[in-house]
């Protein structure tokens, strides 16, 4: 799936949306069982060739019904993580 990119408060956010159930070899995409979502958050730093990043799975009890819902949930979840809700400071220790 495509990986939309955006920036928020000095971080790069990549929205990762993928089918809940993997596609079997020889079959078309399996979107009927919904979608799972994760976000990759990295430091925005043009001065550094290598940037540090972390991937966080969006915590939900069941798959998203469609890709649009999953992308919106990713964006909200990433902003909450960056704003400091749901994580302690050690999560952002990049070393």
N, C-alpha and C. Protein backbone atom coordinates (compact mmCIF):
# COMPACT_ATOMS: atom_id res chain seq x y z
N UNK A 1 0.85 -1.18 0.00
CA UNK A 1 0.00 0.00 0.00
C UNK A 1 0.89 1.24 0.00
N UNK A 2 0.32 2.34 -0.34
CA UNK A 2 1.08 3.59 -0.36
C UNK A 2 1.38 4.04 1.06
N UNK A 3 2.40 4.83 1.20
CA UNK A 3 2.79 5.33 2.50
C UNK A 3 2.71 6.85 2.49
N UNK A 4 1.57 7.42 2.87
CA UNK A 4 1.48 8.88 2.94
C UNK A 4 2.47 9.44 3.97
N UNK A 5 2.98 10.59 3.68
CA UNK A 5 4.00 11.23 4.51
C UNK A 5 3.49 12.60 4.92
N UNK A 6 3.81 12.98 6.15
CA UNK A 6 3.49 14.33 6.61
C UNK A 6 4.47 14.72 7.71
N UNK A 7 4.48 15.97 8.09
CA UNK A 7 5.32 16.45 9.19
C UNK A 7 4.44 17.02 10.28
N UNK A 8 4.91 16.86 11.51
CA UNK A 8 4.18 17.38 12.67
C UNK A 8 5.19 17.68 13.76
N UNK A 9 5.27 18.94 14.18
CA UNK A 9 6.14 19.40 15.27
C UNK A 9 7.58 18.88 15.18
N UNK A 10 8.14 18.94 14.02
CA UNK A 10 9.54 18.56 13.84
C UNK A 10 9.78 17.08 13.64
N UNK A 11 8.74 16.31 13.43
CA UNK A 11 8.87 14.89 13.18
C UNK A 11 8.27 14.55 11.82
N UNK A 12 8.84 13.56 11.16
CA UNK A 12 8.28 13.01 9.94
C UNK A 12 7.39 11.84 10.32
N UNK A 13 6.21 11.80 9.75
CA UNK A 13 5.25 10.74 10.05
C UNK A 13 4.93 10.00 8.76
N UNK A 14 5.05 8.68 8.80
CA UNK A 14 4.69 7.83 7.67
C UNK A 14 3.53 6.95 8.12
N UNK A 15 2.42 7.02 7.42
CA UNK A 15 1.23 6.24 7.75
C UNK A 15 1.32 4.90 7.04
N UNK A 16 1.31 3.83 7.81
CA UNK A 16 1.47 2.49 7.26
C UNK A 16 0.16 1.73 7.40
N UNK A 17 -0.51 1.48 6.30
CA UNK A 17 -1.80 0.79 6.29
C UNK A 17 -1.65 -0.45 5.43
N UNK A 18 -2.11 -1.59 5.94
CA UNK A 18 -1.92 -2.85 5.23
C UNK A 18 -3.08 -3.80 5.55
N UNK A 19 -3.34 -4.77 4.65
CA UNK A 19 -4.45 -5.70 4.88
C UNK A 19 -4.25 -6.49 6.18
N UNK A 20 -5.34 -6.73 6.87
CA UNK A 20 -5.29 -7.48 8.13
C UNK A 20 -4.79 -8.91 7.89
N UNK A 21 -5.24 -9.50 6.82
CA UNK A 21 -4.84 -10.87 6.48
C UNK A 21 -3.98 -10.81 5.22
N UNK A 22 -2.83 -11.46 5.26
CA UNK A 22 -1.93 -11.45 4.11
C UNK A 22 -2.57 -12.10 2.89
N UNK A 23 -2.20 -11.63 1.73
CA UNK A 23 -2.70 -12.18 0.48
C UNK A 23 -1.99 -13.49 0.18
N UNK A 24 -2.75 -14.49 -0.19
CA UNK A 24 -2.16 -15.78 -0.54
C UNK A 24 -1.59 -15.72 -1.95
N UNK A 25 -0.56 -16.49 -2.18
CA UNK A 25 0.07 -16.54 -3.48
C UNK A 25 -0.94 -16.94 -4.55
N UNK A 26 -0.98 -16.19 -5.63
CA UNK A 26 -1.87 -16.50 -6.74
C UNK A 26 -3.26 -15.90 -6.63
N UNK A 27 -3.52 -15.16 -5.56
CA UNK A 27 -4.83 -14.56 -5.36
C UNK A 27 -4.71 -13.03 -5.39
N UNK A 28 -5.83 -12.38 -5.61
CA UNK A 28 -5.86 -10.91 -5.59
C UNK A 28 -5.73 -10.43 -4.14
N UNK A 29 -5.70 -9.13 -3.97
CA UNK A 29 -5.60 -8.54 -2.63
C UNK A 29 -6.73 -9.02 -1.73
N UNK A 30 -6.44 -9.15 -0.46
CA UNK A 30 -7.44 -9.60 0.51
C UNK A 30 -7.82 -8.42 1.41
N UNK A 31 -8.78 -7.62 0.95
CA UNK A 31 -9.20 -6.46 1.71
C UNK A 31 -10.49 -6.71 2.48
N UNK A 32 -11.10 -7.88 2.29
CA UNK A 32 -12.40 -8.17 2.91
C UNK A 32 -12.33 -8.25 4.43
N UNK A 33 -11.17 -8.60 4.98
CA UNK A 33 -11.06 -8.74 6.43
C UNK A 33 -10.58 -7.47 7.11
N UNK A 34 -10.49 -6.39 6.37
CA UNK A 34 -10.13 -5.10 6.95
C UNK A 34 -8.65 -4.80 6.88
N UNK A 35 -8.27 -3.76 7.63
CA UNK A 35 -6.90 -3.24 7.56
C UNK A 35 -6.32 -3.05 8.96
N UNK A 36 -5.01 -3.23 9.06
CA UNK A 36 -4.26 -2.89 10.25
C UNK A 36 -3.45 -1.64 9.95
N UNK A 37 -2.95 -0.98 10.99
CA UNK A 37 -2.25 0.27 10.77
C UNK A 37 -1.12 0.45 11.77
N UNK A 38 -0.06 1.09 11.31
CA UNK A 38 1.08 1.47 12.14
C UNK A 38 1.56 2.83 11.68
N UNK A 39 2.39 3.46 12.48
CA UNK A 39 3.01 4.72 12.08
C UNK A 39 4.51 4.61 12.30
N UNK A 40 5.26 5.18 11.38
CA UNK A 40 6.70 5.31 11.57
C UNK A 40 6.97 6.78 11.80
N UNK A 41 7.59 7.07 12.94
CA UNK A 41 7.89 8.45 13.32
C UNK A 41 9.40 8.60 13.36
N UNK A 42 9.90 9.61 12.66
CA UNK A 42 11.34 9.85 12.66
C UNK A 42 11.62 11.32 12.88
N UNK A 43 12.83 11.59 13.29
CA UNK A 43 13.25 12.96 13.52
C UNK A 43 13.41 13.67 12.19
N UNK A 44 12.88 14.88 12.09
CA UNK A 44 13.10 15.71 10.89
C UNK A 44 14.37 16.48 11.11
N UNK A 45 15.41 16.09 10.39
CA UNK A 45 16.69 16.77 10.54
C UNK A 45 17.42 16.71 9.22
N UNK A 46 17.34 17.78 8.48
CA UNK A 46 17.97 17.82 7.16
C UNK A 46 19.50 17.81 7.25
N UNK A 47 20.06 18.15 8.42
CA UNK A 47 21.51 18.20 8.57
C UNK A 47 22.12 16.82 8.74
N UNK A 48 21.32 15.84 9.05
CA UNK A 48 21.83 14.50 9.33
C UNK A 48 21.46 13.55 8.21
N UNK A 49 22.43 12.82 7.72
CA UNK A 49 22.18 11.87 6.63
C UNK A 49 21.35 10.69 7.13
N UNK A 50 21.59 10.27 8.36
CA UNK A 50 20.82 9.15 8.90
C UNK A 50 19.88 9.67 9.97
N UNK A 51 18.63 9.28 9.87
CA UNK A 51 17.68 9.73 10.86
C UNK A 51 17.20 8.55 11.67
N UNK A 52 16.84 8.79 12.89
CA UNK A 52 16.35 7.75 13.78
C UNK A 52 14.84 7.68 13.64
N UNK A 53 14.31 6.46 13.72
CA UNK A 53 12.87 6.33 13.63
C UNK A 53 12.38 5.18 14.50
N UNK A 54 11.09 5.21 14.77
CA UNK A 54 10.42 4.16 15.53
C UNK A 54 9.10 3.85 14.84
N UNK A 55 8.69 2.59 14.91
CA UNK A 55 7.40 2.18 14.36
C UNK A 55 6.50 1.79 15.52
N UNK A 56 5.27 2.30 15.48
CA UNK A 56 4.28 2.02 16.52
C UNK A 56 3.01 1.48 15.86
N UNK A 57 2.53 0.38 16.35
CA UNK A 57 1.28 -0.17 15.84
C UNK A 57 0.12 0.57 16.49
N UNK A 58 -0.87 0.93 15.71
CA UNK A 58 -2.05 1.62 16.24
C UNK A 58 -2.85 0.59 17.04
N UNK A 59 -3.06 0.86 18.34
CA UNK A 59 -3.73 -0.13 19.19
C UNK A 59 -5.26 -0.10 19.00
N UNK A 60 -5.78 -1.13 18.38
CA UNK A 60 -7.23 -1.27 18.19
C UNK A 60 -7.61 -2.72 18.48
N UNK A 61 -8.87 -2.92 18.83
CA UNK A 61 -9.31 -4.28 19.18
C UNK A 61 -9.72 -5.10 17.96
N UNK A 62 -10.01 -4.43 16.83
CA UNK A 62 -10.37 -5.16 15.61
C UNK A 62 -9.88 -4.36 14.41
N UNK A 63 -9.76 -5.01 13.26
CA UNK A 63 -9.25 -4.31 12.07
C UNK A 63 -10.16 -3.15 11.65
N UNK A 64 -9.56 -2.18 10.98
CA UNK A 64 -10.33 -1.07 10.41
C UNK A 64 -11.10 -1.58 9.20
N UNK A 65 -12.30 -1.05 8.99
CA UNK A 65 -13.13 -1.49 7.88
C UNK A 65 -12.59 -1.05 6.52
N UNK A 66 -11.93 0.11 6.48
CA UNK A 66 -11.40 0.58 5.20
C UNK A 66 -10.10 1.34 5.42
N UNK A 67 -9.38 1.56 4.32
CA UNK A 67 -8.09 2.22 4.40
C UNK A 67 -8.16 3.66 4.87
N UNK A 68 -9.23 4.37 4.53
CA UNK A 68 -9.38 5.76 4.96
C UNK A 68 -9.47 5.89 6.46
N UNK A 69 -10.26 5.02 7.10
CA UNK A 69 -10.36 5.03 8.56
C UNK A 69 -9.00 4.72 9.19
N UNK A 70 -8.28 3.77 8.60
CA UNK A 70 -6.97 3.40 9.13
C UNK A 70 -5.98 4.56 9.03
N UNK A 71 -5.98 5.27 7.90
CA UNK A 71 -5.07 6.42 7.74
C UNK A 71 -5.39 7.54 8.72
N UNK A 72 -6.67 7.83 8.91
CA UNK A 72 -7.04 8.88 9.86
C UNK A 72 -6.62 8.50 11.28
N UNK A 73 -6.81 7.24 11.64
CA UNK A 73 -6.41 6.78 12.98
C UNK A 73 -4.90 6.86 13.15
N UNK A 74 -4.15 6.56 12.11
CA UNK A 74 -2.69 6.67 12.15
C UNK A 74 -2.26 8.10 12.46
N UNK A 75 -2.84 9.04 11.74
CA UNK A 75 -2.46 10.45 11.90
C UNK A 75 -2.75 10.93 13.32
N UNK A 76 -3.92 10.60 13.84
CA UNK A 76 -4.29 11.02 15.19
C UNK A 76 -3.37 10.36 16.22
N UNK A 77 -3.11 9.08 16.06
CA UNK A 77 -2.26 8.34 16.99
C UNK A 77 -0.84 8.92 17.00
N UNK A 78 -0.30 9.20 15.82
CA UNK A 78 1.05 9.77 15.74
C UNK A 78 1.13 11.13 16.43
N UNK A 79 0.14 11.97 16.23
CA UNK A 79 0.14 13.28 16.88
C UNK A 79 0.07 13.14 18.40
N UNK A 80 -0.72 12.21 18.87
CA UNK A 80 -0.80 11.99 20.33
C UNK A 80 0.53 11.49 20.88
N UNK A 81 1.18 10.60 20.16
CA UNK A 81 2.49 10.12 20.61
C UNK A 81 3.50 11.25 20.68
N UNK A 82 3.53 12.07 19.64
CA UNK A 82 4.48 13.19 19.60
C UNK A 82 4.16 14.20 20.68
N UNK A 83 2.90 14.43 20.96
CA UNK A 83 2.50 15.38 21.99
C UNK A 83 2.77 14.84 23.40
N UNK A 84 3.20 13.58 23.49
CA UNK A 84 3.58 13.03 24.79
C UNK A 84 2.49 12.26 25.50
N UNK A 85 1.40 12.02 24.84
CA UNK A 85 0.33 11.26 25.46
C UNK A 85 0.49 9.79 25.09
N UNK A 86 0.63 8.94 26.08
CA UNK A 86 0.71 7.52 25.83
C UNK A 86 2.11 6.94 25.86
N UNK A 87 3.12 7.77 25.95
CA UNK A 87 4.49 7.28 26.01
C UNK A 87 5.29 8.06 27.04
N UNK A 88 6.33 7.43 27.55
CA UNK A 88 7.23 8.18 28.44
C UNK A 88 8.42 8.67 27.62
N UNK A 89 9.22 9.51 28.20
CA UNK A 89 10.32 10.15 27.48
C UNK A 89 11.34 9.14 26.98
N UNK A 90 11.51 8.01 27.65
CA UNK A 90 12.51 7.02 27.22
C UNK A 90 12.22 6.49 25.82
N UNK A 91 10.97 6.51 25.41
CA UNK A 91 10.63 6.05 24.07
C UNK A 91 11.33 6.86 23.01
N UNK A 92 11.56 8.14 23.29
CA UNK A 92 12.18 9.02 22.30
C UNK A 92 13.69 9.13 22.46
N UNK A 93 14.28 8.33 23.33
CA UNK A 93 15.74 8.29 23.41
C UNK A 93 16.24 7.52 22.20
N UNK A 94 16.80 8.22 21.24
CA UNK A 94 17.15 7.62 19.95
C UNK A 94 18.41 6.80 20.00
N UNK A 95 19.16 6.85 21.06
CA UNK A 95 20.44 6.11 21.11
C UNK A 95 20.26 4.76 21.72
